[in-house]
PDB file of N, CA and C in Angstrom:
ATOM      1  N   MET A   1      23.514  -0.628  -7.044  1.00  0.00           N
ATOM      2  CA  MET A   1      22.523  -0.701  -7.150  1.00  0.00           C
ATOM      3  C   MET A   1      21.320   0.268  -7.690  1.00  0.00           C
ATOM      4  N   LYS A   2      20.182  -0.211  -8.223  1.00  0.00           N
ATOM      5  CA  LYS A   2      19.486   0.651  -9.276  1.00  0.00           C
ATOM      6  C   LYS A   2      18.381   0.681  -7.867  1.00  0.00           C
ATOM      7  N   ALA A   3      18.450   2.427  -7.797  1.00  0.00           N
ATOM      8  CA  ALA A   3      17.009   3.135  -7.134  1.00  0.00           C
ATOM      9  C   ALA A   3      15.694   2.679  -7.529  1.00  0.00           C
ATOM     10  N   ALA A   4      14.470   2.324  -6.710  1.00  0.00           N
ATOM     11  CA  ALA A   4      13.336   2.066  -7.086  1.00  0.00           C
ATOM     12  C   ALA A   4      12.782   3.604  -7.454  1.00  0.00           C
ATOM     13  N   LYS A   5      11.457   3.226  -8.353  1.00  0.00           N
ATOM     14  CA  LYS A   5      11.201   4.151  -8.936  1.00  0.00           C
ATOM     15  C   LYS A   5       9.346   4.022  -8.064  1.00  0.00           C
ATOM     16  N   ASN A   6       8.957   5.149  -8.091  1.00  0.00           N
ATOM     17  CA  ASN A   6       8.032   5.541  -8.317  1.00  0.00           C
ATOM     18  C   ASN A   6       6.713   5.709  -9.394  1.00  0.00           C
ATOM     19  N   VAL A   7       5.201   5.469  -9.281  1.00  0.00           N
ATOM     20  CA  VAL A   7       4.605   5.965 -10.435  1.00  0.00           C
ATOM     21  C   VAL A   7       4.726   6.790 -11.233  1.00  0.00           C
ATOM     22  N   LEU A   8       5.121   7.584 -10.878  1.00  0.00           N
ATOM     23  CA  LEU A   8       5.627   9.372 -11.411  1.00  0.00           C
ATOM     24  C   LEU A   8       7.062   9.292 -12.323  1.00  0.00           C
ATOM     25  N   GLY A   9       7.590   8.161 -11.991  1.00  0.00           N
ATOM     26  CA  GLY A   9       9.030   7.988 -12.504  1.00  0.00           C
ATOM     27  C   GLY A   9      10.201   8.791 -11.156  1.00  0.00           C
ATOM     28  N   GLY A  10       9.953   9.084 -10.297  1.00  0.00           N
ATOM     29  CA  GLY A  10      10.826   9.765  -9.577  1.00  0.00           C
ATOM     30  C   GLY A  10      11.190   8.935  -8.597  1.00  0.00           C
ATOM     31  N   ASN A  11      12.136   9.146  -7.529  1.00  0.00           N
ATOM     32  CA  ASN A  11      12.799   7.876  -6.924  1.00  0.00           C
ATOM     33  C   ASN A  11      11.748   7.370  -5.786  1.00  0.00           C
ATOM     34  N   LEU A  12      11.749   6.499  -4.953  1.00  0.00           N
ATOM     35  CA  LEU A  12      10.638   5.804  -4.158  1.00  0.00           C
ATOM     36  C   LEU A  12      10.841   6.677  -2.861  1.00  0.00           C
ATOM     37  N   GLN A  13       9.770   7.137  -2.120  1.00  0.00           N
ATOM     38  CA  GLN A  13       9.541   7.669  -1.471  1.00  0.00           C
ATOM     39  C   GLN A  13       8.969   6.900   0.021  1.00  0.00           C
ATOM     40  N   LEU A  14       9.537   6.978   1.191  1.00  0.00           N
ATOM     41  CA  LEU A  14       9.307   6.364   2.512  1.00  0.00           C
ATOM     42  C   LEU A  14       7.689   6.488   2.225  1.00  0.00           C
ATOM     43  N   CYS A  15       6.767   5.302   2.780  1.00  0.00           N
ATOM     44  CA  CYS A  15       5.179   5.254   3.142  1.00  0.00           C
ATOM     45  C   CYS A  15       5.529   5.624   4.429  1.00  0.00           C
ATOM     46  N   SER A  16       6.249   4.992   5.430  1.00  0.00           N
ATOM     47  CA  SER A  16       5.770   4.730   6.731  1.00  0.00           C
ATOM     48  C   SER A  16       6.806   4.057   7.275  1.00  0.00           C
ATOM     49  N   MET A  17       7.082   5.040   8.581  1.00  0.00           N
ATOM     50  CA  MET A  17       8.162   4.320   9.555  1.00  0.00           C
ATOM     51  C   MET A  17       7.337   4.110  11.125  1.00  0.00           C
ATOM     52  N   ALA A  18       5.773   4.362  11.120  1.00  0.00           N
ATOM     53  CA  ALA A  18       4.953   4.157  12.354  1.00  0.00           C
ATOM     54  C   ALA A  18       3.627   4.142  11.694  1.00  0.00           C
ATOM     55  N   PRO A  19       3.342   3.013  11.565  1.00  0.00           N
ATOM     56  CA  PRO A  19       4.024   1.549  11.954  1.00  0.00           C
ATOM     57  C   PRO A  19       4.836   1.181  10.692  1.00  0.00           C
ATOM     58  N   LYS A  20       5.982   0.758  10.620  1.00  0.00           N
ATOM     59  CA  LYS A  20       6.851   0.383  10.171  1.00  0.00           C
ATOM     60  C   LYS A  20       6.384  -0.538   8.766  1.00  0.00           C
ATOM     61  N   THR A  21       6.581  -0.046   7.611  1.00  0.00           N
ATOM     62  CA  THR A  21       5.455  -0.931   6.742  1.00  0.00           C
ATOM     63  C   THR A  21       6.704  -1.566   5.771  1.00  0.00           C
ATOM     64  N   GLY A  22       6.342  -1.808   4.372  1.00  0.00           N
ATOM     65  CA  GLY A  22       6.720  -2.499   3.360  1.00  0.00           C
ATOM     66  C   GLY A  22       7.081  -3.744   3.760  1.00  0.00           C
ATOM     67  N   TYR A  23       7.379  -4.962   2.574  1.00  0.00           N
ATOM     68  CA  TYR A  23       7.751  -6.041   2.092  1.00  0.00           C
ATOM     69  C   TYR A  23       8.989  -6.721   3.319  1.00  0.00           C
ATOM     70  N   LEU A  24       9.784  -5.866   3.418  1.00  0.00           N
ATOM     71  CA  LEU A  24      10.804  -5.708   3.595  1.00  0.00           C
ATOM     72  C   LEU A  24      10.815  -4.799   5.021  1.00  0.00           C
ATOM     73  N   ARG A  25      10.071  -4.306   5.291  1.00  0.00           N
ATOM     74  CA  ARG A  25      10.041  -3.492   6.644  1.00  0.00           C
ATOM     75  C   ARG A  25      11.005  -2.151   6.842  1.00  0.00           C
ATOM     76  N   THR A  26      11.111  -1.423   5.456  1.00  0.00           N
ATOM     77  CA  THR A  26      12.069  -0.829   5.658  1.00  0.00           C
ATOM     78  C   THR A  26      11.437   0.875   5.385  1.00  0.00           C
ATOM     79  N   GLY A  27      10.255   0.880   5.580  1.00  0.00           N
ATOM     80  CA  GLY A  27       9.199   1.880   5.306  1.00  0.00           C
ATOM     81  C   GLY A  27       8.906   2.440   3.987  1.00  0.00           C
ATOM     82  N   THR A  28       9.547   1.498   2.954  1.00  0.00           N
ATOM     83  CA  THR A  28       9.034   2.107   1.602  1.00  0.00           C
ATOM     84  C   THR A  28       8.455   0.615   1.449  1.00  0.00           C
ATOM     85  N   CYS A  29       7.889   1.058  -0.231  1.00  0.00           N
ATOM     86  CA  CYS A  29       7.021  -0.244  -0.767  1.00  0.00           C
ATOM     87  C   CYS A  29       7.665  -0.815  -1.718  1.00  0.00           C
ATOM     88  N   GLU A  30       9.422  -1.262  -1.183  1.00  0.00           N
ATOM     89  CA  GLU A  30       9.821  -2.240  -2.398  1.00  0.00           C
ATOM     90  C   GLU A  30       9.589  -3.296  -2.115  1.00  0.00           C
ATOM     91  N   THR A  31       9.834  -3.788  -3.273  1.00  0.00           N
ATOM     92  CA  THR A  31       9.265  -5.184  -4.026  1.00  0.00           C
ATOM     93  C   THR A  31      10.697  -6.221  -4.473  1.00  0.00           C
ATOM     94  N   GLY A  32      10.342  -7.324  -4.315  1.00  0.00           N
ATOM     95  CA  GLY A  32      11.694  -8.510  -4.801  1.00  0.00           C
ATOM     96  C   GLY A  32      10.991  -9.716  -5.513  1.00  0.00           C
ATOM     97  N   PRO A  33      11.548 -10.414  -6.182  1.00  0.00           N
ATOM     98  CA  PRO A  33      10.904 -11.761  -6.225  1.00  0.00           C
ATOM     99  C   PRO A  33      10.285 -12.478  -5.054  1.00  0.00           C
ATOM    100  N   ARG A  34      11.088 -12.453  -3.795  1.00  0.00           N
ATOM    101  CA  ARG A  34       9.985 -12.813  -2.821  1.00  0.00           C
ATOM    102  C   ARG A  34       8.735 -12.338  -2.762  1.00  0.00           C
ATOM    103  N   ASP A  35       8.431 -11.503  -2.879  1.00  0.00           N
ATOM    104  CA  ASP A  35       7.082 -10.389  -2.179  1.00  0.00           C
ATOM    105  C   ASP A  35       6.376 -10.789  -3.406  1.00  0.00           C
ATOM    106  N   LEU A  36       6.085 -12.028  -2.888  1.00  0.00           N
ATOM    107  CA  LEU A  36       4.702 -12.380  -3.980  1.00  0.00           C
ATOM    108  C   LEU A  36       3.473 -11.774  -3.979  1.00  0.00           C
ATOM    109  N   GLY A  37       3.119 -11.143  -2.766  1.00  0.00           N
ATOM    110  CA  GLY A  37       2.039 -10.463  -2.882  1.00  0.00           C
ATOM    111  C   GLY A  37       1.783  -8.734  -3.469  1.00  0.00           C
ATOM    112  N   SER A  38       3.242  -8.466  -3.861  1.00  0.00           N
ATOM    113  CA  SER A  38       3.292  -7.532  -4.513  1.00  0.00           C
ATOM    114  C   SER A  38       2.964  -6.155  -3.601  1.00  0.00           C
ATOM    115  N   HIS A  39       3.723  -6.327  -2.641  1.00  0.00           N
ATOM    116  CA  HIS A  39       3.445  -5.137  -1.731  1.00  0.00           C
ATOM    117  C   HIS A  39       3.477  -3.473  -1.969  1.00  0.00           C
ATOM    118  N   VAL A  40       3.144  -3.066  -2.548  1.00  0.00           N
ATOM    119  CA  VAL A  40       4.185  -1.933  -3.712  1.00  0.00           C
ATOM    120  C   VAL A  40       2.998  -0.736  -3.706  1.00  0.00           C
ATOM    121  N   VAL A  41       1.400  -0.566  -3.263  1.00  0.00           N
ATOM    122  CA  VAL A  41       0.961   0.427  -3.079  1.00  0.00           C
ATOM    123  C   VAL A  41       0.955   1.477  -1.840  1.00  0.00           C
ATOM    124  N   CYS A  42       1.585   2.479  -1.518  1.00  0.00           N
ATOM    125  CA  CYS A  42       1.625   3.083  -0.553  1.00  0.00           C
ATOM    126  C   CYS A  42      -0.276   3.727  -0.240  1.00  0.00           C
ATOM    127  N   ALA A  43      -0.760   3.191   0.709  1.00  0.00           N
ATOM    128  CA  ALA A  43      -1.929   3.657   0.909  1.00  0.00           C
ATOM    129  C   ALA A  43      -2.099   3.932   2.049  1.00  0.00           C
ATOM    130  N   GLN A  44      -3.333   5.174   2.683  1.00  0.00           N
ATOM    131  CA  GLN A  44      -3.432   5.718   3.994  1.00  0.00           C
ATOM    132  C   GLN A  44      -5.026   5.166   4.344  1.00  0.00           C
ATOM    133  N   VAL A  45      -4.612   4.100   4.754  1.00  0.00           N
ATOM    134  CA  VAL A  45      -5.707   3.125   4.991  1.00  0.00           C
ATOM    135  C   VAL A  45      -7.346   3.704   5.379  1.00  0.00           C
ATOM    136  N   THR A  46      -8.238   3.340   5.147  1.00  0.00           N
ATOM    137  CA  THR A  46      -9.884   3.825   5.624  1.00  0.00           C
ATOM    138  C   THR A  46     -10.543   2.916   6.728  1.00  0.00           C
ATOM    139  N   GLN A  47     -11.363   3.288   7.173  1.00  0.00           N
ATOM    140  CA  GLN A  47     -11.857   2.234   7.937  1.00  0.00           C
ATOM    141  C   GLN A  47     -12.475   1.214   6.988  1.00  0.00           C
ATOM    142  N   PRO A  48     -13.511   1.713   6.070  1.00  0.00           N
ATOM    143  CA  PRO A  48     -13.742   1.231   4.876  1.00  0.00           C
ATOM    144  C   PRO A  48     -13.067  -0.020   3.994  1.00  0.00           C
ATOM    145  N   PHE A  49     -11.722   0.156   3.714  1.00  0.00           N
ATOM    146  CA  PHE A  49     -11.074  -0.807   3.106  1.00  0.00           C
ATOM    147  C   PHE A  49     -10.925  -1.665   4.378  1.00  0.00           C
ATOM    148  N   LEU A  50     -10.260  -1.133   5.652  1.00  0.00           N
ATOM    149  CA  LEU A  50     -10.116  -2.325   6.712  1.00  0.00           C
ATOM    150  C   LEU A  50     -11.522  -3.038   6.623  1.00  0.00           C
ATOM    151  N   GLU A  51     -12.638  -2.800   6.804  1.00  0.00           N
ATOM    152  CA  GLU A  51     -13.494  -3.862   6.433  1.00  0.00           C
ATOM    153  C   GLU A  51     -13.484  -4.844   5.914  1.00  0.00           C
ATOM    154  N   PHE A  52     -13.493  -4.249   4.345  1.00  0.00           N
ATOM    155  CA  PHE A  52     -13.367  -4.815   2.708  1.00  0.00           C
ATOM    156  C   PHE A  52     -12.297  -6.029   3.190  1.00  0.00           C
ATOM    157  N   THR A  53     -10.760  -5.624   3.795  1.00  0.00           N
ATOM    158  CA  THR A  53      -9.789  -6.317   3.530  1.00  0.00           C
ATOM    159  C   THR A  53     -10.064  -7.768   4.903  1.00  0.00           C
ATOM    160  N   ARG A  54     -10.411  -7.212   5.591  1.00  0.00           N
ATOM    161  CA  ARG A  54     -10.969  -8.210   6.402  1.00  0.00           C
ATOM    162  C   ARG A  54     -11.999  -9.072   6.148  1.00  0.00           C
ATOM    163  N   SER A  55     -12.963  -8.740   5.693  1.00  0.00           N
ATOM    164  CA  SER A  55     -14.314  -9.679   5.154  1.00  0.00           C
ATOM    165  C   SER A  55     -13.535 -10.565   3.779  1.00  0.00           C
ATOM    166  N   ARG A  56     -12.283 -10.355   3.271  1.00  0.00           N
ATOM    167  CA  ARG A  56     -11.807 -11.289   2.479  1.00  0.00           C
ATOM    168  C   ARG A  56     -10.501 -12.144   2.936  1.00  0.00           C
ATOM    169  N   GLY A  57     -10.436 -11.952   4.422  1.00  0.00           N
ATOM    170  CA  GLY A  57      -9.253 -13.168   5.215  1.00  0.00           C
ATOM    171  C   GLY A  57      -7.878 -12.580   4.975  1.00  0.00           C
ATOM    172  N   ASN A  58      -8.059 -11.114   5.519  1.00  0.00           N
ATOM    173  CA  ASN A  58      -7.066 -10.201   5.373  1.00  0.00           C
ATOM    174  C   ASN A  58      -6.957  -9.354   6.244  1.00  0.00           C
ATOM    175  N   ASP A  59      -7.376  -9.839   8.103  1.00  0.00           N
ATOM    176  CA  ASP A  59      -7.405  -8.628   8.931  1.00  0.00           C
ATOM    177  C   ASP A  59      -6.503  -7.982   9.165  1.00  0.00           C
ATOM    178  N   LEU A  60      -6.130  -6.634   8.933  1.00  0.00           N
ATOM    179  CA  LEU A  60      -5.159  -5.464   9.018  1.00  0.00           C
ATOM    180  C   LEU A  60      -5.168  -5.222  10.415  1.00  0.00           C
ATOM    181  N   SER A  61      -6.668  -4.902  10.893  1.00  0.00           N
ATOM    182  CA  SER A  61      -6.880  -4.314  12.015  1.00  0.00           C
ATOM    183  C   SER A  61      -6.213  -4.663  13.515  1.00  0.00           C
ATOM    184  N   SER A  62      -6.187  -5.754  13.603  1.00  0.00           N
ATOM    185  CA  SER A  62      -5.422  -6.866  14.549  1.00  0.00           C
ATOM    186  C   SER A  62      -4.255  -6.869  14.930  1.00  0.00           C
ATOM    187  N   PRO A  63      -3.810  -6.642  15.948  1.00  0.00           N
ATOM    188  CA  PRO A  63      -2.388  -6.730  15.775  1.00  0.00           C
ATOM    189  C   PRO A  63      -1.812  -8.274  16.217  1.00  0.00           C
ATOM    190  N   ILE A  64      -0.585  -8.291  15.758  1.00  0.00           N
ATOM    191  CA  ILE A  64      -0.349  -9.494  15.612  1.00  0.00           C
ATOM    192  C   ILE A  64       1.160  -9.808  16.863  1.00  0.00           C
ATOM    193  N   PRO A  65       1.033 -10.354  17.701  1.00  0.00           N
ATOM    194  CA  PRO A  65       2.059 -10.627  18.533  1.00  0.00           C
ATOM    195  C   PRO A  65       2.997 -10.809  18.870  1.00  0.00           C
ATOM    196  N   GLY A  66       4.139 -10.828  18.639  1.00  0.00           N
ATOM    197  CA  GLY A  66       5.319 -11.372  18.414  1.00  0.00           C
ATOM    198  C   GLY A  66       5.920 -11.462  16.986  1.00  0.00           C
ATOM    199  N   SER A  67       5.217 -10.793  16.102  1.00  0.00           N
ATOM    200  CA  SER A  67       5.773 -10.852  14.830  1.00  0.00           C
ATOM    201  C   SER A  67       5.908  -9.289  14.256  1.00  0.00           C
ATOM    202  N   GLY A  68       5.680  -8.198  15.637  1.00  0.00           N
ATOM    203  CA  GLY A  68       5.822  -6.634  15.644  1.00  0.00           C
ATOM    204  C   GLY A  68       4.497  -5.632  14.805  1.00  0.00           C
ATOM    205  N   PHE A  69       3.467  -6.583  14.531  1.00  0.00           N
ATOM    206  CA  PHE A  69       2.650  -6.127  13.510  1.00  0.00           C
ATOM    207  C   PHE A  69       1.336  -5.471  14.566  1.00  0.00           C
ATOM    208  N   PRO A  70       1.563  -3.977  14.396  1.00  0.00           N
ATOM    209  CA  PRO A  70       0.577  -3.297  15.410  1.00  0.00           C
ATOM    210  C   PRO A  70      -0.941  -3.667  15.449  1.00  0.00           C
ATOM    211  N   GLY A  71      -1.287  -3.848  14.022  1.00  0.00           N
ATOM    212  CA  GLY A  71      -2.682  -3.904  13.717  1.00  0.00           C
ATOM    213  C   GLY A  71      -2.763  -1.885  13.213  1.00  0.00           C
ATOM    214  N   LEU A  72      -3.482  -1.922  12.312  1.00  0.00           N
ATOM    215  CA  LEU A  72      -3.549  -0.775  11.233  1.00  0.00           C
ATOM    216  C   LEU A  72      -5.090  -0.114  11.596  1.00  0.00           C
ATOM    217  N   LYS A  73      -4.990   1.635  12.063  1.00  0.00           N
ATOM    218  CA  LYS A  73      -6.264   2.015  12.078  1.00  0.00           C
ATOM    219  C   LYS A  73      -6.191   3.172  10.837  1.00  0.00           C
ATOM    220  N   PRO A  74      -7.366   3.705  10.920  1.00  0.00           N
ATOM    221  CA  PRO A  74      -7.669   4.595   9.955  1.00  0.00           C
ATOM    222  C   PRO A  74      -6.777   5.545   9.639  1.00  0.00           C
ATOM    223  N   GLY A  75      -6.153   5.841   9.287  1.00  0.00           N
ATOM    224  CA  GLY A  75      -5.168   7.276   8.778  1.00  0.00           C
ATOM    225  C   GLY A  75      -3.915   6.621   8.755  1.00  0.00           C
ATOM    226  N   ASP A  76      -3.696   5.523   9.364  1.00  0.00           N
ATOM    227  CA  ASP A  76      -2.073   5.010   8.746  1.00  0.00           C
ATOM    228  C   ASP A  76      -1.973   4.731   7.749  1.00  0.00           C
ATOM    229  N   ARG A  77      -0.519   4.750   7.247  1.00  0.00           N
ATOM    230  CA  ARG A  77       0.249   4.334   5.941  1.00  0.00           C
ATOM    231  C   ARG A  77       0.192   3.028   5.773  1.00  0.00           C
ATOM    232  N   TRP A  78       0.513   2.439   4.698  1.00  0.00           N
ATOM    233  CA  TRP A  78       0.343   1.084   4.927  1.00  0.00           C
ATOM    234  C   TRP A  78       0.824   0.304   3.193  1.00  0.00           C
ATOM    235  N   CYS A  79       1.634  -0.157   2.783  1.00  0.00           N
ATOM    236  CA  CYS A  79       2.302  -0.686   1.687  1.00  0.00           C
ATOM    237  C   CYS A  79       1.136  -2.242   1.247  1.00  0.00           C
ATOM    238  N   LEU A  80       0.169  -1.775   0.511  1.00  0.00           N
ATOM    239  CA  LEU A  80      -0.936  -2.945   0.478  1.00  0.00           C
ATOM    240  C   LEU A  80      -0.122  -3.641  -1.003  1.00  0.00           C
ATOM    241  N   CYS A  81      -0.443  -4.825  -0.907  1.00  0.00           N
ATOM    242  CA  CYS A  81      -1.020  -5.579  -1.769  1.00  0.00           C
ATOM    243  C   CYS A  81      -1.096  -5.113  -3.312  1.00  0.00           C
ATOM    244  N   ALA A  82      -0.871  -4.952  -4.445  1.00  0.00           N
ATOM    245  CA  ALA A  82      -1.278  -4.578  -5.876  1.00  0.00           C
ATOM    246  C   ALA A  82      -2.788  -5.063  -5.946  1.00  0.00           C
ATOM    247  N   LEU A  83      -2.673  -6.217  -5.757  1.00  0.00           N
ATOM    248  CA  LEU A  83      -4.161  -6.818  -6.273  1.00  0.00           C
ATOM    249  C   LEU A  83      -5.398  -6.571  -5.430  1.00  0.00           C
ATOM    250  N   ARG A  84      -4.693  -6.628  -4.292  1.00  0.00           N
ATOM    251  CA  ARG A  84      -6.022  -6.535  -2.658  1.00  0.00           C
ATOM    252  C   ARG A  84      -6.485  -4.497  -3.208  1.00  0.00           C
ATOM    253  N   TRP A  85      -5.373  -4.010  -3.506  1.00  0.00           N
ATOM    254  CA  TRP A  85      -6.366  -2.598  -3.783  1.00  0.00           C
ATOM    255  C   TRP A  85      -7.219  -2.451  -5.454  1.00  0.00           C
ATOM    256  N   LYS A  86      -6.376  -3.138  -6.013  1.00  0.00           N
ATOM    257  CA  LYS A  86      -7.613  -3.058  -7.166  1.00  0.00           C
ATOM    258  C   LYS A  86      -8.690  -3.899  -7.214  1.00  0.00           C
ATOM    259  N   GLU A  87      -8.728  -4.832  -5.872  1.00  0.00           N
ATOM    260  CA  GLU A  87      -9.912  -5.390  -5.679  1.00  0.00           C
ATOM    261  C   GLU A  87     -10.505  -4.565  -4.870  1.00  0.00           C
ATOM    262  N   ALA A  88     -10.377  -3.865  -4.164  1.00  0.00           N
ATOM    263  CA  ALA A  88     -10.873  -2.446  -3.294  1.00  0.00           C
ATOM    264  C   ALA A  88     -11.254  -1.217  -4.033  1.00  0.00           C
ATOM    265  N   LEU A  89     -10.772  -1.404  -5.129  1.00  0.00           N
ATOM    266  CA  LEU A  89     -10.879  -0.060  -6.155  1.00  0.00           C
ATOM    267  C   LEU A  89     -12.465  -0.340  -6.669  1.00  0.00           C
ATOM    268  N   GLU A  90     -12.498  -1.775  -7.324  1.00  0.00           N
ATOM    269  CA  GLU A  90     -13.026  -2.047  -7.725  1.00  0.00           C
ATOM    270  C   GLU A  90     -14.552  -2.269  -7.499  1.00  0.00           C
ATOM    271  N   ALA A  91     -14.607  -2.354  -5.676  1.00  0.00           N
ATOM    272  CA  ALA A  91     -15.021  -2.718  -5.054  1.00  0.00           C
ATOM    273  C   ALA A  91     -16.056  -1.590  -4.390  1.00  0.00           C
ATOM    274  N   GLY A  92     -15.345  -0.505  -4.885  1.00  0.00           N
ATOM    275  CA  GLY A  92     -15.502   1.292  -4.488  1.00  0.00           C
ATOM    276  C   GLY A  92     -15.067   1.304  -3.180  1.00  0.00           C
ATOM    277  N   VAL A  93     -13.786   0.812  -2.643  1.00  0.00           N
ATOM    278  CA  VAL A  93     -13.752   0.811  -1.491  1.00  0.00           C
ATOM    279  C   VAL A  93     -12.150   1.332  -1.412  1.00  0.00           C
ATOM    280  N   ALA A  94     -11.288   1.488  -2.723  1.00  0.00           N
ATOM    281  CA  ALA A  94      -9.851   1.686  -2.516  1.00  0.00           C
ATOM    282  C   ALA A  94      -9.643   3.057  -1.487  1.00  0.00           C
ATOM    283  N   PRO A  95      -8.596   2.861  -0.736  1.00  0.00           N
ATOM    284  CA  PRO A  95      -7.960   3.768   0.023  1.00  0.00           C
ATOM    285  C   PRO A  95      -7.122   4.954  -1.047  1.00  0.00           C
ATOM    286  N   PRO A  96      -6.854   5.888  -0.177  1.00  0.00           N
ATOM    287  CA  PRO A  96      -6.271   7.083  -1.221  1.00  0.00           C
ATOM    288  C   PRO A  96      -4.960   6.599  -1.183  1.00  0.00           C
ATOM    289  N   VAL A  97      -4.077   6.883  -2.601  1.00  0.00           N
ATOM    290  CA  VAL A  97      -2.836   6.437  -2.433  1.00  0.00           C
ATOM    291  C   VAL A  97      -1.986   7.646  -2.279  1.00  0.00           C
ATOM    292  N   ILE A  98      -0.570   7.089  -2.030  1.00  0.00           N
ATOM    293  CA  ILE A  98      -0.053   8.266  -1.873  1.00  0.00           C
ATOM    294  C   ILE A  98       1.423   7.788  -2.867  1.00  0.00           C
ATOM    295  N   LEU A  99       1.604   8.587  -4.281  1.00  0.00           N
ATOM    296  CA  LEU A  99       1.836   8.456  -5.586  1.00  0.00           C
ATOM    297  C   LEU A  99       3.244   8.630  -5.369  1.00  0.00           C
ATOM    298  N   GLU A 100       3.631   9.331  -4.722  1.00  0.00           N
ATOM    299  CA  GLU A 100       5.148   9.175  -4.330  1.00  0.00           C
ATOM    300  C   GLU A 100       6.171   7.752  -3.839  1.00  0.00           C
ATOM    301  N   ALA A 101       5.273   7.403  -3.142  1.00  0.00           N
ATOM    302  CA  ALA A 101       5.918   6.255  -2.349  1.00  0.00           C
ATOM    303  C   ALA A 101       4.962   5.062  -2.757  1.00  0.00           C
ATOM    304  N   THR A 102       4.530   5.205  -3.973  1.00  0.00           N
ATOM    305  CA  THR A 102       3.897   3.516  -4.609  1.00  0.00           C
ATOM    306  C   THR A 102       4.820   3.252  -5.644  1.00  0.00           C
ATOM    307  N   HIS A 103       5.262   2.202  -5.822  1.00  0.00           N
ATOM    308  CA  HIS A 103       6.616   1.602  -6.668  1.00  0.00           C
ATOM    309  C   HIS A 103       5.623   1.161  -7.514  1.00  0.00           C
ATOM    310  N   GLU A 104       6.273   1.471  -8.862  1.00  0.00           N
ATOM    311  CA  GLU A 104       5.977   1.392 -10.244  1.00  0.00           C
ATOM    312  C   GLU A 104       5.441   0.114 -11.112  1.00  0.00           C
ATOM    313  N   ALA A 105       6.049  -0.851 -10.040  1.00  0.00           N
ATOM    314  CA  ALA A 105       5.608  -1.866 -10.296  1.00  0.00           C
ATOM    315  C   ALA A 105       4.520  -2.480 -10.095  1.00  0.00           C
ATOM    316  N   VAL A 106       3.252  -1.604  -9.574  1.00  0.00           N
ATOM    317  CA  VAL A 106       2.186  -1.885  -9.451  1.00  0.00           C
ATOM    318  C   VAL A 106       1.240  -1.525 -11.061  1.00  0.00           C
ATOM    319  N   LEU A 107       1.763  -0.806 -11.586  1.00  0.00           N
ATOM    320  CA  LEU A 107       1.397  -0.390 -12.911  1.00  0.00           C
ATOM    321  C   LEU A 107       1.517  -1.496 -14.198  1.00  0.00           C
ATOM    322  N   ARG A 108       1.420  -2.893 -13.501  1.00  0.00           N
ATOM    323  CA  ARG A 108       1.231  -4.329 -14.177  1.00  0.00           C
ATOM    324  C   ARG A 108       0.185  -4.491 -14.012  1.00  0.00           C
ATOM    325  N   HIS A 109      -0.691  -4.079 -12.934  1.00  0.00           N
ATOM    326  CA  HIS A 109      -2.122  -4.175 -12.062  1.00  0.00           C
ATOM    327  C   HIS A 109      -2.844  -3.322 -12.556  1.00  0.00           C
ATOM    328  N   VAL A 110      -2.417  -1.954 -12.235  1.00  0.00           N
ATOM    329  CA  VAL A 110      -3.535  -0.922 -12.372  1.00  0.00           C
ATOM    330  C   VAL A 110      -3.040   0.291 -13.108  1.00  0.00           C
ATOM    331  N   SER A 111      -4.181   0.696 -13.590  1.00  0.00           N
ATOM    332  CA  SER A 111      -3.354   2.245 -14.144  1.00  0.00           C
ATOM    333  C   SER A 111      -3.003   3.251 -13.722  1.00  0.00           C
ATOM    334  N   ILE A 112      -2.384   4.224 -14.356  1.00  0.00           N
ATOM    335  CA  ILE A 112      -2.014   5.421 -13.634  1.00  0.00           C
ATOM    336  C   ILE A 112      -2.815   6.024 -13.451  1.00  0.00           C
ATOM    337  N   GLU A 113      -3.650   5.953 -14.150  1.00  0.00           N
ATOM    338  CA  GLU A 113      -5.286   7.083 -14.543  1.00  0.00           C
ATOM    339  C   GLU A 113      -6.063   6.817 -12.947  1.00  0.00           C
ATOM    340  N   ASP A 114      -6.572   5.381 -12.872  1.00  0.00           N
ATOM    341  CA  ASP A 114      -6.535   5.121 -11.530  1.00  0.00           C
ATOM    342  C   ASP A 114      -6.251   5.624  -9.612  1.00  0.00           C
ATOM    343  N   LEU A 115      -4.841   5.127  -9.874  1.00  0.00           N
ATOM    344  CA  LEU A 115      -4.126   5.664  -8.989  1.00  0.00           C
ATOM    345  C   LEU A 115      -3.986   7.277  -8.884  1.00  0.00           C
ATOM    346  N   LYS A 116      -4.112   8.395  -9.820  1.00  0.00           N
ATOM    347  CA  LYS A 116      -4.516   8.977  -9.788  1.00  0.00           C
ATOM    348  C   LYS A 116      -5.585  10.081  -9.288  1.00  0.00           C
ATOM    349  N   ARG A 117      -6.664   9.009  -9.988  1.00  0.00           N
ATOM    350  CA  ARG A 117      -8.051   9.570  -9.235  1.00  0.00           C
ATOM    351  C   ARG A 117      -8.283   8.896  -7.432  1.00  0.00           C
ATOM    352  N   HIS A 118      -7.263   8.357  -7.204  1.00  0.00           N
ATOM    353  CA  HIS A 118      -7.516   7.672  -5.888  1.00  0.00           C
ATOM    354  C   HIS A 118      -6.133   8.562  -4.751  1.00  0.00           C
ATOM    355  N   ALA A 119      -5.562   9.841  -5.812  1.00  0.00           N
ATOM    356  CA  ALA A 119      -4.465   9.977  -5.003  1.00  0.00           C
ATOM    357  C   ALA A 119      -4.794  10.825  -3.828  1.00  0.00           C
ATOM    358  N   LEU A 120      -3.480  10.665  -2.688  1.00  0.00           N
ATOM    359  CA  LEU A 120      -3.943  11.459  -1.193  1.00  0.00           C
ATOM    360  C   LEU A 120      -3.671  13.070  -1.968  1.00  0.00           C
ATOM    361  N   SER A 121      -4.619  14.007  -1.424  1.00  0.00           N
ATOM    362  CA  SER A 121      -4.324  15.448  -1.712  1.00  0.00           C
ATOM    363  C   SER A 121      -3.512  15.768  -0.346  1.00  0.00           C
ATOM    364  N   GLU A 122      -2.502  16.278  -0.441  1.00  0.00           N
ATOM    365  CA  GLU A 122      -1.538  16.679   1.059  1.00  0.00           C
ATOM    366  C   GLU A 122      -2.224  18.068   1.093  1.00  0.00           C
ATOM    367  N   ASN A 123      -2.640  18.844   0.259  1.00  0.00           N
ATOM    368  CA  ASN A 123      -3.440  20.171   0.493  1.00  0.00           C
ATOM    369  C   ASN A 123      -3.936  20.184   1.553  1.00  0.00           C
TER     370      ASN A 123
END
């Protein structure tokens, strides 16, 4: 099996294990044919983004008991849907992205330049 690649062309890195993220809940933003939302953008969520996505019908802040979803808080890393991140970008509330942990599949929807402009600075 071929290793998943990130937007920089390297091997896809871990996004988060606490909370455990990814469509497959492996901690990485892997994707596959059943991932209709294309959960490929590793982002560090912000309060403005959480409010934005809630206003669009996807409340990521509230826990969902029974599904193991703890609810997100600002600073958590999470694999976001490519088109939701693009929508947030257009609305001016895109959260910062961890390029090494963002799957290359996002490049079908968003430019590498936009991703780099929103890259999380680890410094």
